[in-house]
Amino acid sequence: KAARLFRKAAKQGLTDAQFALGGCFQQGVGVVQDEEEAVKLYQQVAGQGFPKTQHDLDRCYALGKGCVQDREEAVKLYRQAAEQGLAAAQHSLGRCLKDGAGVAQDHETAARFFR
């Protein structure tokens, strides 16, 4: 029932509902699991600058879930969410910098994101 309500509100452009519906599709809660649909919804919300959604979308790109794997795009989104203060994105960006995943390896900058 919640997914149905989220869908209705998402069609009206409510970003919280779009994010929640994306989560429903990603997890298969109340709807048939559809990671591609989740990515579409996350893209709509992330484009409006919501850091939590940017972080969920960047994980999709990093893992290739619902989209083609693109570590560089994941790093770009991690950075956007990290710059807005989202601790989980800061940690993820630090890991990418430490490992050189989707970005040039940079231990010094990575260390700053782990503090």
PDB file of N, CA and C in Angstrom:
ATOM      1  N   LYS A   1       0.820  -1.193   0.000  1.00  0.00           N
ATOM      2  CA  LYS A   1       0.000   0.000   0.000  1.00  0.00           C
ATOM      3  C   LYS A   1       0.867   1.262   0.000  1.00  0.00           C
ATOM      4  N   ALA A   2       1.969   1.252   0.759  1.00  0.00           N
ATOM      5  CA  ALA A   2       2.841   2.424   0.813  1.00  0.00           C
ATOM      6  C   ALA A   2       3.418   2.732  -0.558  1.00  0.00           C
ATOM      7  N   ALA A   3       3.827   1.696  -1.284  1.00  0.00           N
ATOM      8  CA  ALA A   3       4.405   1.913  -2.613  1.00  0.00           C
ATOM      9  C   ALA A   3       3.389   2.589  -3.533  1.00  0.00           C
ATOM     10  N   ARG A   4       2.125   2.214  -3.407  1.00  0.00           N
ATOM     11  CA  ARG A   4       1.070   2.829  -4.228  1.00  0.00           C
ATOM     12  C   ARG A   4       0.939   4.314  -3.901  1.00  0.00           C
ATOM     13  N   LEU A   5       0.986   4.648  -2.625  1.00  0.00           N
ATOM     14  CA  LEU A   5       0.906   6.047  -2.214  1.00  0.00           C
ATOM     15  C   LEU A   5       2.149   6.832  -2.639  1.00  0.00           C
ATOM     16  N   PHE A   6       3.320   6.204  -2.499  1.00  0.00           N
ATOM     17  CA  PHE A   6       4.548   6.859  -2.953  1.00  0.00           C
ATOM     18  C   PHE A   6       4.482   7.144  -4.451  1.00  0.00           C
ATOM     19  N   ARG A   7       3.967   6.180  -5.214  1.00  0.00           N
ATOM     20  CA  ARG A   7       3.869   6.341  -6.669  1.00  0.00           C
ATOM     21  C   ARG A   7       2.972   7.531  -7.008  1.00  0.00           C
ATOM     22  N   LYS A   8       1.846   7.624  -6.324  1.00  0.00           N
ATOM     23  CA  LYS A   8       0.912   8.725  -6.576  1.00  0.00           C
ATOM     24  C   LYS A   8       1.572  10.076  -6.267  1.00  0.00           C
ATOM     25  N   ALA A   9       2.239  10.156  -5.133  1.00  0.00           N
ATOM     26  CA  ALA A   9       2.899  11.401  -4.745  1.00  0.00           C
ATOM     27  C   ALA A   9       4.097  11.700  -5.648  1.00  0.00           C
ATOM     28  N   ALA A  10       4.806  10.653  -6.077  1.00  0.00           N
ATOM     29  CA  ALA A  10       5.964  10.838  -6.958  1.00  0.00           C
ATOM     30  C   ALA A  10       5.525  11.423  -8.298  1.00  0.00           C
ATOM     31  N   LYS A  11       4.384  10.985  -8.800  1.00  0.00           N
ATOM     32  CA  LYS A  11       3.860  11.515 -10.071  1.00  0.00           C
ATOM     33  C   LYS A  11       3.538  13.003  -9.961  1.00  0.00           C
ATOM     34  N   GLN A  12       3.299  13.460  -8.740  1.00  0.00           N
ATOM     35  CA  GLN A  12       3.020  14.879  -8.508  1.00  0.00           C
ATOM     36  C   GLN A  12       4.312  15.680  -8.300  1.00  0.00           C
ATOM     37  N   GLY A  13       5.465  14.981  -8.396  1.00  0.00           N
ATOM     38  CA  GLY A  13       6.745  15.655  -8.306  1.00  0.00           C
ATOM     39  C   GLY A  13       7.305  15.796  -6.902  1.00  0.00           C
ATOM     40  N   LEU A  14       6.748  15.116  -5.930  1.00  0.00           N
ATOM     41  CA  LEU A  14       7.252  15.199  -4.553  1.00  0.00           C
ATOM     42  C   LEU A  14       8.539  14.383  -4.431  1.00  0.00           C
ATOM     43  N   THR A  15       9.638  15.073  -4.189  1.00  0.00           N
ATOM     44  CA  THR A  15      10.940  14.423  -4.199  1.00  0.00           C
ATOM     45  C   THR A  15      11.091  13.355  -3.118  1.00  0.00           C
ATOM     46  N   ASP A  16      10.538  13.576  -1.939  1.00  0.00           N
ATOM     47  CA  ASP A  16      10.627  12.557  -0.889  1.00  0.00           C
ATOM     48  C   ASP A  16       9.935  11.271  -1.334  1.00  0.00           C
ATOM     49  N   ALA A  17       8.823  11.414  -2.025  1.00  0.00           N
ATOM     50  CA  ALA A  17       8.092  10.248  -2.519  1.00  0.00           C
ATOM     51  C   ALA A  17       8.865   9.565  -3.647  1.00  0.00           C
ATOM     52  N   GLN A  18       9.497  10.352  -4.510  1.00  0.00           N
ATOM     53  CA  GLN A  18      10.302   9.766  -5.589  1.00  0.00           C
ATOM     54  C   GLN A  18      11.450   8.950  -5.000  1.00  0.00           C
ATOM     55  N   PHE A  19      12.095   9.514  -3.974  1.00  0.00           N
ATOM     56  CA  PHE A  19      13.188   8.806  -3.310  1.00  0.00           C
ATOM     57  C   PHE A  19      12.672   7.518  -2.658  1.00  0.00           C
ATOM     58  N   ALA A  20      11.570   7.619  -1.926  1.00  0.00           N
ATOM     59  CA  ALA A  20      11.018   6.451  -1.243  1.00  0.00           C
ATOM     60  C   ALA A  20      10.577   5.384  -2.243  1.00  0.00           C
ATOM     61  N   LEU A  21       9.970   5.803  -3.338  1.00  0.00           N
ATOM     62  CA  LEU A  21       9.538   4.850  -4.358  1.00  0.00           C
ATOM     63  C   LEU A  21      10.754   4.189  -5.008  1.00  0.00           C
ATOM     64  N   GLY A  22      11.813   4.960  -5.209  1.00  0.00           N
ATOM     65  CA  GLY A  22      13.049   4.379  -5.730  1.00  0.00           C
ATOM     66  C   GLY A  22      13.558   3.275  -4.815  1.00  0.00           C
ATOM     67  N   GLY A  23      13.497   3.523  -3.515  1.00  0.00           N
ATOM     68  CA  GLY A  23      13.902   2.504  -2.550  1.00  0.00           C
ATOM     69  C   GLY A  23      13.019   1.266  -2.621  1.00  0.00           C
ATOM     70  N   CYS A  24      11.724   1.473  -2.820  1.00  0.00           N
ATOM     71  CA  CYS A  24      10.804   0.338  -2.966  1.00  0.00           C
ATOM     72  C   CYS A  24      11.197  -0.514  -4.173  1.00  0.00           C
ATOM     73  N   PHE A  25      11.468   0.152  -5.297  1.00  0.00           N
ATOM     74  CA  PHE A  25      11.862  -0.589  -6.498  1.00  0.00           C
ATOM     75  C   PHE A  25      13.223  -1.264  -6.319  1.00  0.00           C
ATOM     76  N   GLN A  26      14.134  -0.599  -5.652  1.00  0.00           N
ATOM     77  CA  GLN A  26      15.461  -1.177  -5.461  1.00  0.00           C
ATOM     78  C   GLN A  26      15.391  -2.434  -4.591  1.00  0.00           C
ATOM     79  N   GLN A  27      14.555  -2.394  -3.568  1.00  0.00           N
ATOM     80  CA  GLN A  27      14.463  -3.511  -2.622  1.00  0.00           C
ATOM     81  C   GLN A  27      13.336  -4.500  -2.945  1.00  0.00           C
ATOM     82  N   GLY A  28      12.435  -4.119  -3.849  1.00  0.00           N
ATOM     83  CA  GLY A  28      11.295  -4.985  -4.142  1.00  0.00           C
ATOM     84  C   GLY A  28      10.269  -4.989  -3.027  1.00  0.00           C
ATOM     85  N   VAL A  29      10.060  -3.836  -2.405  1.00  0.00           N
ATOM     86  CA  VAL A  29       9.111  -3.714  -1.301  1.00  0.00           C
ATOM     87  C   VAL A  29       7.799  -3.120  -1.831  1.00  0.00           C
ATOM     88  N   GLY A  30       6.769  -3.937  -1.863  1.00  0.00           N
ATOM     89  CA  GLY A  30       5.461  -3.472  -2.321  1.00  0.00           C
ATOM     90  C   GLY A  30       5.322  -3.406  -3.836  1.00  0.00           C
ATOM     91  N   VAL A  31       6.404  -3.673  -4.543  1.00  0.00           N
ATOM     92  CA  VAL A  31       6.427  -3.693  -6.010  1.00  0.00           C
ATOM     93  C   VAL A  31       7.395  -4.795  -6.440  1.00  0.00           C
ATOM     94  N   VAL A  32       7.327  -5.137  -7.716  1.00  0.00           N
ATOM     95  CA  VAL A  32       8.310  -6.074  -8.246  1.00  0.00           C
ATOM     96  C   VAL A  32       9.652  -5.344  -8.301  1.00  0.00           C
ATOM     97  N   GLN A  33      10.687  -5.982  -7.805  1.00  0.00           N
ATOM     98  CA  GLN A  33      12.003  -5.345  -7.793  1.00  0.00           C
ATOM     99  C   GLN A  33      12.413  -4.961  -9.214  1.00  0.00           C
ATOM    100  N   ASP A  34      12.840  -3.724  -9.375  1.00  0.00           N
ATOM    101  CA  ASP A  34      13.234  -3.198 -10.679  1.00  0.00           C
ATOM    102  C   ASP A  34      14.314  -2.140 -10.437  1.00  0.00           C
ATOM    103  N   GLU A  35      15.551  -2.561 -10.470  1.00  0.00           N
ATOM    104  CA  GLU A  35      16.652  -1.651 -10.164  1.00  0.00           C
ATOM    105  C   GLU A  35      16.796  -0.544 -11.204  1.00  0.00           C
ATOM    106  N   GLU A  36      16.426  -0.816 -12.447  1.00  0.00           N
ATOM    107  CA  GLU A  36      16.489   0.235 -13.472  1.00  0.00           C
ATOM    108  C   GLU A  36      15.486   1.348 -13.166  1.00  0.00           C
ATOM    109  N   GLU A  37      14.306   0.979 -12.715  1.00  0.00           N
ATOM    110  CA  GLU A  37      13.304   1.987 -12.331  1.00  0.00           C
ATOM    111  C   GLU A  37      13.779   2.771 -11.112  1.00  0.00           C
ATOM    112  N   ALA A  38      14.426   2.071 -10.185  1.00  0.00           N
ATOM    113  CA  ALA A  38      14.978   2.752  -9.003  1.00  0.00           C
ATOM    114  C   ALA A  38      15.992   3.805  -9.433  1.00  0.00           C
ATOM    115  N   VAL A  39      16.864   3.453 -10.373  1.00  0.00           N
ATOM    116  CA  VAL A  39      17.883   4.398 -10.845  1.00  0.00           C
ATOM    117  C   VAL A  39      17.213   5.608 -11.494  1.00  0.00           C
ATOM    118  N   LYS A  40      16.191   5.390 -12.294  1.00  0.00           N
ATOM    119  CA  LYS A  40      15.484   6.518 -12.931  1.00  0.00           C
ATOM    120  C   LYS A  40      14.926   7.478 -11.884  1.00  0.00           C
ATOM    121  N   LEU A  41      14.317   6.923 -10.852  1.00  0.00           N
ATOM    122  CA  LEU A  41      13.761   7.764  -9.791  1.00  0.00           C
ATOM    123  C   LEU A  41      14.860   8.475  -9.017  1.00  0.00           C
ATOM    124  N   TYR A  42      15.924   7.761  -8.694  1.00  0.00           N
ATOM    125  CA  TYR A  42      17.047   8.378  -7.986  1.00  0.00           C
ATOM    126  C   TYR A  42      17.662   9.508  -8.814  1.00  0.00           C
ATOM    127  N   GLN A  43      17.758   9.308 -10.136  1.00  0.00           N
ATOM    128  CA  GLN A  43      18.315  10.355 -10.999  1.00  0.00           C
ATOM    129  C   GLN A  43      17.475  11.626 -10.941  1.00  0.00           C
ATOM    130  N   GLN A  44      16.156  11.475 -10.919  1.00  0.00           N
ATOM    131  CA  GLN A  44      15.272  12.646 -10.846  1.00  0.00           C
ATOM    132  C   GLN A  44      15.544  13.444  -9.580  1.00  0.00           C
ATOM    133  N   VAL A  45      15.678  12.742  -8.472  1.00  0.00           N
ATOM    134  CA  VAL A  45      15.852  13.411  -7.183  1.00  0.00           C
ATOM    135  C   VAL A  45      17.289  13.907  -7.009  1.00  0.00           C
ATOM    136  N   ALA A  46      18.267  13.109  -7.403  1.00  0.00           N
ATOM    137  CA  ALA A  46      19.672  13.498  -7.251  1.00  0.00           C
ATOM    138  C   ALA A  46      19.971  14.760  -8.049  1.00  0.00           C
ATOM    139  N   GLY A  47      19.330  14.905  -9.191  1.00  0.00           N
ATOM    140  CA  GLY A  47      19.520  16.098 -10.014  1.00  0.00           C
ATOM    141  C   GLY A  47      19.060  17.372  -9.322  1.00  0.00           C
ATOM    142  N   GLN A  48      18.270  17.216  -8.269  1.00  0.00           N
ATOM    143  CA  GLN A  48      17.785  18.360  -7.506  1.00  0.00           C
ATOM    144  C   GLN A  48      18.661  18.631  -6.278  1.00  0.00           C
ATOM    145  N   GLY A  49      19.767  17.870  -6.163  1.00  0.00           N
ATOM    146  CA  GLY A  49      20.745  18.158  -5.121  1.00  0.00           C
ATOM    147  C   GLY A  49      20.499  17.514  -3.772  1.00  0.00           C
ATOM    148  N   PHE A  50      19.799  16.398  -3.717  1.00  0.00           N
ATOM    149  CA  PHE A  50      19.538  15.722  -2.446  1.00  0.00           C
ATOM    150  C   PHE A  50      20.667  14.734  -2.162  1.00  0.00           C
ATOM    151  N   PRO A  51      21.488  14.993  -1.130  1.00  0.00           N
ATOM    152  CA  PRO A  51      22.682  14.177  -0.909  1.00  0.00           C
ATOM    153  C   PRO A  51      22.414  12.699  -0.638  1.00  0.00           C
ATOM    154  N   LYS A  52      21.382  12.367   0.122  1.00  0.00           N
ATOM    155  CA  LYS A  52      21.107  10.948   0.408  1.00  0.00           C
ATOM    156  C   LYS A  52      20.785  10.211  -0.889  1.00  0.00           C
ATOM    157  N   THR A  53      20.041  10.845  -1.766  1.00  0.00           N
ATOM    158  CA  THR A  53      19.700  10.224  -3.034  1.00  0.00           C
ATOM    159  C   THR A  53      20.930  10.135  -3.926  1.00  0.00           C
ATOM    160  N   GLN A  54      21.767  11.165  -3.909  1.00  0.00           N
ATOM    161  CA  GLN A  54      23.008  11.111  -4.680  1.00  0.00           C
ATOM    162  C   GLN A  54      23.848   9.921  -4.225  1.00  0.00           C
ATOM    163  N   HIS A  55      23.864   9.692  -2.918  1.00  0.00           N
ATOM    164  CA  HIS A  55      24.651   8.577  -2.387  1.00  0.00           C
ATOM    165  C   HIS A  55      24.055   7.239  -2.805  1.00  0.00           C
ATOM    166  N   ASP A  56      22.747   7.088  -2.770  1.00  0.00           N
ATOM    167  CA  ASP A  56      22.135   5.840  -3.217  1.00  0.00           C
ATOM    168  C   ASP A  56      22.375   5.622  -4.708  1.00  0.00           C
ATOM    169  N   LEU A  57      22.284   6.699  -5.487  1.00  0.00           N
ATOM    170  CA  LEU A  57      22.520   6.591  -6.923  1.00  0.00           C
ATOM    171  C   LEU A  57      23.984   6.272  -7.209  1.00  0.00           C
ATOM    172  N   ASP A  58      24.901   6.895  -6.471  1.00  0.00           N
ATOM    173  CA  ASP A  58      26.310   6.615  -6.745  1.00  0.00           C
ATOM    174  C   ASP A  58      26.660   5.172  -6.446  1.00  0.00           C
ATOM    175  N   ARG A  59      26.007   4.591  -5.455  1.00  0.00           N
ATOM    176  CA  ARG A  59      26.237   3.158  -5.181  1.00  0.00           C
ATOM    177  C   ARG A  59      25.740   2.306  -6.336  1.00  0.00           C
ATOM    178  N   CYS A  60      24.623   2.714  -6.961  1.00  0.00           N
ATOM    179  CA  CYS A  60      24.132   1.983  -8.135  1.00  0.00           C
ATOM    180  C   CYS A  60      25.180   2.013  -9.245  1.00  0.00           C
ATOM    181  N   TYR A  61      25.743   3.199  -9.503  1.00  0.00           N
ATOM    182  CA  TYR A  61      26.779   3.313 -10.528  1.00  0.00           C
ATOM    183  C   TYR A  61      28.035   2.531 -10.143  1.00  0.00           C
ATOM    184  N   ALA A  62      28.431   2.599  -8.898  1.00  0.00           N
ATOM    185  CA  ALA A  62      29.643   1.915  -8.453  1.00  0.00           C
ATOM    186  C   ALA A  62      29.520   0.400  -8.615  1.00  0.00           C
ATOM    187  N   LEU A  63      28.326  -0.131  -8.354  1.00  0.00           N
ATOM    188  CA  LEU A  63      28.111  -1.582  -8.390  1.00  0.00           C
ATOM    189  C   LEU A  63      27.486  -2.069  -9.687  1.00  0.00           C
ATOM    190  N   GLY A  64      27.027  -1.141 -10.534  1.00  0.00           N
ATOM    191  CA  GLY A  64      26.351  -1.540 -11.768  1.00  0.00           C
ATOM    192  C   GLY A  64      24.983  -2.144 -11.508  1.00  0.00           C
ATOM    193  N   LYS A  65      24.276  -1.616 -10.526  1.00  0.00           N
ATOM    194  CA  LYS A  65      22.937  -2.128 -10.186  1.00  0.00           C
ATOM    195  C   LYS A  65      21.875  -1.205 -10.776  1.00  0.00           C
ATOM    196  N   GLY A  66      21.177  -1.689 -11.792  1.00  0.00           N
ATOM    197  CA  GLY A  66      20.132  -0.908 -12.435  1.00  0.00           C
ATOM    198  C   GLY A  66      20.661   0.019 -13.520  1.00  0.00           C
ATOM    199  N   CYS A  67      21.965  -0.036 -13.737  1.00  0.00           N
ATOM    200  CA  CYS A  67      22.601   0.805 -14.752  1.00  0.00           C
ATOM    201  C   CYS A  67      23.948   0.181 -15.106  1.00  0.00           C
ATOM    202  N   VAL A  68      24.570   0.732 -16.117  1.00  0.00           N
ATOM    203  CA  VAL A  68      25.910   0.275 -16.475  1.00  0.00           C
ATOM    204  C   VAL A  68      26.885   0.761 -15.407  1.00  0.00           C
ATOM    205  N   GLN A  69      27.768  -0.112 -14.979  1.00  0.00           N
ATOM    206  CA  GLN A  69      28.742   0.284 -13.960  1.00  0.00           C
ATOM    207  C   GLN A  69      29.604   1.433 -14.491  1.00  0.00           C
ATOM    208  N   ASP A  70      29.721   2.478 -13.701  1.00  0.00           N
ATOM    209  CA  ASP A  70      30.486   3.660 -14.095  1.00  0.00           C
ATOM    210  C   ASP A  70      31.086   4.261 -12.826  1.00  0.00           C
ATOM    211  N   ARG A  71      32.271   3.834 -12.496  1.00  0.00           N
ATOM    212  CA  ARG A  71      32.914   4.276 -11.254  1.00  0.00           C
ATOM    213  C   ARG A  71      33.215   5.771 -11.261  1.00  0.00           C
ATOM    214  N   GLU A  72      33.525   6.333 -12.416  1.00  0.00           N
ATOM    215  CA  GLU A  72      33.790   7.771 -12.485  1.00  0.00           C
ATOM    216  C   GLU A  72      32.536   8.570 -12.157  1.00  0.00           C
ATOM    217  N   GLU A  73      31.390   8.136 -12.658  1.00  0.00           N
ATOM    218  CA  GLU A  73      30.127   8.806 -12.328  1.00  0.00           C
ATOM    219  C   GLU A  73      29.819   8.624 -10.845  1.00  0.00           C
ATOM    220  N   ALA A  74      30.120   7.447 -10.311  1.00  0.00           N
ATOM    221  CA  ALA A  74      29.904   7.202  -8.889  1.00  0.00           C
ATOM    222  C   ALA A  74      30.728   8.181  -8.055  1.00  0.00           C
ATOM    223  N   VAL A  75      31.985   8.381  -8.430  1.00  0.00           N
ATOM    224  CA  VAL A  75      32.858   9.297  -7.684  1.00  0.00           C
ATOM    225  C   VAL A  75      32.317  10.715  -7.766  1.00  0.00           C
ATOM    226  N   LYS A  76      31.845  11.104  -8.932  1.00  0.00           N
ATOM    227  CA  LYS A  76      31.268  12.449  -9.088  1.00  0.00           C
ATOM    228  C   LYS A  76      30.100  12.650  -8.130  1.00  0.00           C
ATOM    229  N   LEU A  77      29.235  11.656  -8.026  1.00  0.00           N
ATOM    230  CA  LEU A  77      28.081  11.749  -7.131  1.00  0.00           C
ATOM    231  C   LEU A  77      28.487  11.657  -5.668  1.00  0.00           C
ATOM    232  N   TYR A  78      29.467  10.778  -5.360  1.00  0.00           N
ATOM    233  CA  TYR A  78      29.978  10.721  -3.983  1.00  0.00           C
ATOM    234  C   TYR A  78      30.471  12.103  -3.569  1.00  0.00           C
ATOM    235  N   ARG A  79      31.224  12.742  -4.481  1.00  0.00           N
ATOM    236  CA  ARG A  79      31.800  14.056  -4.178  1.00  0.00           C
ATOM    237  C   ARG A  79      30.697  15.089  -3.929  1.00  0.00           C
ATOM    238  N   GLN A  80      29.649  15.080  -4.763  1.00  0.00           N
ATOM    239  CA  GLN A  80      28.552  16.040  -4.586  1.00  0.00           C
ATOM    240  C   GLN A  80      27.887  15.854  -3.231  1.00  0.00           C
ATOM    241  N   ALA A  81      27.602  14.612  -2.871  1.00  0.00           N
ATOM    242  CA  ALA A  81      26.955  14.347  -1.586  1.00  0.00           C
ATOM    243  C   ALA A  81      27.907  14.633  -0.425  1.00  0.00           C
ATOM    244  N   ALA A  82      29.186  14.312  -0.600  1.00  0.00           N
ATOM    245  CA  ALA A  82      30.180  14.561   0.451  1.00  0.00           C
ATOM    246  C   ALA A  82      30.315  16.056   0.715  1.00  0.00           C
ATOM    247  N   GLU A  83      30.298  16.851  -0.343  1.00  0.00           N
ATOM    248  CA  GLU A  83      30.422  18.305  -0.186  1.00  0.00           C
ATOM    249  C   GLU A  83      29.228  18.907   0.548  1.00  0.00           C
ATOM    250  N   GLN A  84      28.106  18.185   0.554  1.00  0.00           N
ATOM    251  CA  GLN A  84      26.926  18.638   1.283  1.00  0.00           C
ATOM    252  C   GLN A  84      26.903  18.093   2.707  1.00  0.00           C
ATOM    253  N   GLY A  85      27.971  17.402   3.090  1.00  0.00           N
ATOM    254  CA  GLY A  85      28.111  16.968   4.478  1.00  0.00           C
ATOM    255  C   GLY A  85      27.607  15.579   4.795  1.00  0.00           C
ATOM    256  N   LEU A  86      27.232  14.787   3.800  1.00  0.00           N
ATOM    257  CA  LEU A  86      26.736  13.436   4.075  1.00  0.00           C
ATOM    258  C   LEU A  86      27.917  12.531   4.438  1.00  0.00           C
ATOM    259  N   ALA A  87      27.965  12.105   5.696  1.00  0.00           N
ATOM    260  CA  ALA A  87      29.101  11.340   6.216  1.00  0.00           C
ATOM    261  C   ALA A  87      29.326  10.044   5.435  1.00  0.00           C
ATOM    262  N   ALA A  88      28.274   9.341   5.080  1.00  0.00           N
ATOM    263  CA  ALA A  88      28.432   8.079   4.342  1.00  0.00           C
ATOM    264  C   ALA A  88      29.092   8.323   2.989  1.00  0.00           C
ATOM    265  N   ALA A  89      28.749   9.421   2.334  1.00  0.00           N
ATOM    266  CA  ALA A  89      29.358   9.755   1.041  1.00  0.00           C
ATOM    267  C   ALA A  89      30.813  10.159   1.223  1.00  0.00           C
ATOM    268  N   GLN A  90      31.116  10.850   2.311  1.00  0.00           N
ATOM    269  CA  GLN A  90      32.503  11.220   2.590  1.00  0.00           C
ATOM    270  C   GLN A  90      33.353   9.973   2.766  1.00  0.00           C
ATOM    271  N   HIS A  91      32.829   9.009   3.500  1.00  0.00           N
ATOM    272  CA  HIS A  91      33.548   7.751   3.709  1.00  0.00           C
ATOM    273  C   HIS A  91      33.734   7.012   2.381  1.00  0.00           C
ATOM    274  N   SER A  92      32.667   6.943   1.576  1.00  0.00           N
ATOM    275  CA  SER A  92      32.752   6.246   0.290  1.00  0.00           C
ATOM    276  C   SER A  92      33.743   6.922  -0.642  1.00  0.00           C
ATOM    277  N   LEU A  93      33.735   8.252  -0.665  1.00  0.00           N
ATOM    278  CA  LEU A  93      34.686   8.987  -1.493  1.00  0.00           C
ATOM    279  C   LEU A  93      36.111   8.736  -1.007  1.00  0.00           C
ATOM    280  N   GLY A  94      36.300   8.726   0.298  1.00  0.00           N
ATOM    281  CA  GLY A  94      37.617   8.415   0.847  1.00  0.00           C
ATOM    282  C   GLY A  94      38.106   7.044   0.413  1.00  0.00           C
ATOM    283  N   ARG A  95      37.206   6.054   0.427  1.00  0.00           N
ATOM    284  CA  ARG A  95      37.578   4.699  -0.018  1.00  0.00           C
ATOM    285  C   ARG A  95      37.988   4.700  -1.487  1.00  0.00           C
ATOM    286  N   CYS A  96      37.226   5.423  -2.324  1.00  0.00           N
ATOM    287  CA  CYS A  96      37.558   5.490  -3.751  1.00  0.00           C
ATOM    288  C   CYS A  96      38.932   6.119  -3.953  1.00  0.00           C
ATOM    289  N   LEU A  97      39.190   7.190  -3.228  1.00  0.00           N
ATOM    290  CA  LEU A  97      40.495   7.858  -3.330  1.00  0.00           C
ATOM    291  C   LEU A  97      41.622   6.961  -2.824  1.00  0.00           C
ATOM    292  N   LYS A  98      41.372   6.245  -1.749  1.00  0.00           N
ATOM    293  CA  LYS A  98      42.385   5.339  -1.188  1.00  0.00           C
ATOM    294  C   LYS A  98      42.713   4.211  -2.162  1.00  0.00           C
ATOM    295  N   ASP A  99      41.660   3.661  -2.801  1.00  0.00           N
ATOM    296  CA  ASP A  99      41.826   2.500  -3.677  1.00  0.00           C
ATOM    297  C   ASP A  99      42.077   2.862  -5.135  1.00  0.00           C
ATOM    298  N   GLY A 100      41.844   4.132  -5.501  1.00  0.00           N
ATOM    299  CA  GLY A 100      41.974   4.520  -6.903  1.00  0.00           C
ATOM    300  C   GLY A 100      40.838   3.968  -7.752  1.00  0.00           C
ATOM    301  N   ALA A 101      39.655   3.874  -7.175  1.00  0.00           N
ATOM    302  CA  ALA A 101      38.477   3.338  -7.873  1.00  0.00           C
ATOM    303  C   ALA A 101      37.676   4.477  -8.495  1.00  0.00           C
ATOM    304  N   GLY A 102      37.798   4.647  -9.794  1.00  0.00           N
ATOM    305  CA  GLY A 102      37.051   5.689 -10.491  1.00  0.00           C
ATOM    306  C   GLY A 102      37.697   7.057 -10.414  1.00  0.00           C
ATOM    307  N   VAL A 103      38.851   7.125  -9.761  1.00  0.00           N
ATOM    308  CA  VAL A 103      39.562   8.384  -9.556  1.00  0.00           C
ATOM    309  C   VAL A 103      41.031   8.043  -9.302  1.00  0.00           C
ATOM    310  N   ALA A 104      41.906   8.997  -9.566  1.00  0.00           N
ATOM    311  CA  ALA A 104      43.329   8.755  -9.298  1.00  0.00           C
ATOM    312  C   ALA A 104      43.540   8.505  -7.807  1.00  0.00           C
ATOM    313  N   GLN A 105      44.362   7.544  -7.500  1.00  0.00           N
ATOM    314  CA  GLN A 105      44.645   7.209  -6.100  1.00  0.00           C
ATOM    315  C   GLN A 105      45.316   8.405  -5.423  1.00  0.00           C
ATOM    316  N   ASP A 106      44.820   8.743  -4.236  1.00  0.00           N
ATOM    317  CA  ASP A 106      45.338   9.904  -3.504  1.00  0.00           C
ATOM    318  C   ASP A 106      45.128   9.653  -2.017  1.00  0.00           C
ATOM    319  N   HIS A 107      46.127   9.069  -1.390  1.00  0.00           N
ATOM    320  CA  HIS A 107      46.007   8.700   0.027  1.00  0.00           C
ATOM    321  C   HIS A 107      45.862   9.922   0.937  1.00  0.00           C
ATOM    322  N   GLU A 108      46.522  11.005   0.592  1.00  0.00           N
ATOM    323  CA  GLU A 108      46.477  12.196   1.437  1.00  0.00           C
ATOM    324  C   GLU A 108      45.049  12.769   1.487  1.00  0.00           C
ATOM    325  N   THR A 109      44.437  12.903   0.323  1.00  0.00           N
ATOM    326  CA  THR A 109      43.061  13.423   0.281  1.00  0.00           C
ATOM    327  C   THR A 109      42.096  12.414   0.898  1.00  0.00           C
ATOM    328  N   ALA A 110      42.329  11.139   0.644  1.00  0.00           N
ATOM    329  CA  ALA A 110      41.471  10.098   1.235  1.00  0.00           C
ATOM    330  C   ALA A 110      41.460  10.196   2.747  1.00  0.00           C
ATOM    331  N   ALA A 111      42.623  10.415   3.327  1.00  0.00           N
ATOM    332  CA  ALA A 111      42.735  10.493   4.792  1.00  0.00           C
ATOM    333  C   ALA A 111      41.855  11.614   5.357  1.00  0.00           C
ATOM    334  N   ARG A 112      41.732  12.713   4.636  1.00  0.00           N
ATOM    335  CA  ARG A 112      40.888  13.812   5.117  1.00  0.00           C
ATOM    336  C   ARG A 112      39.422  13.409   5.190  1.00  0.00           C
ATOM    337  N   PHE A 113      38.998  12.533   4.287  1.00  0.00           N
ATOM    338  CA  PHE A 113      37.591  12.108   4.296  1.00  0.00           C
ATOM    339  C   PHE A 113      37.310  11.073   5.368  1.00  0.00           C
ATOM    340  N   PHE A 114      38.343  10.457   5.898  1.00  0.00           N
ATOM    341  CA  PHE A 114      38.147   9.458   6.958  1.00  0.00           C
ATOM    342  C   PHE A 114      38.170  10.077   8.342  1.00  0.00           C
ATOM    343  N   ARG A 115      38.463  11.371   8.461  1.00  0.00           N
ATOM    344  CA  ARG A 115      38.522  12.029   9.769  1.00  0.00           C
ATOM    345  C   ARG A 115      37.159  12.427  10.248  1.00  0.00           C
TER     346      ARG A 115
END
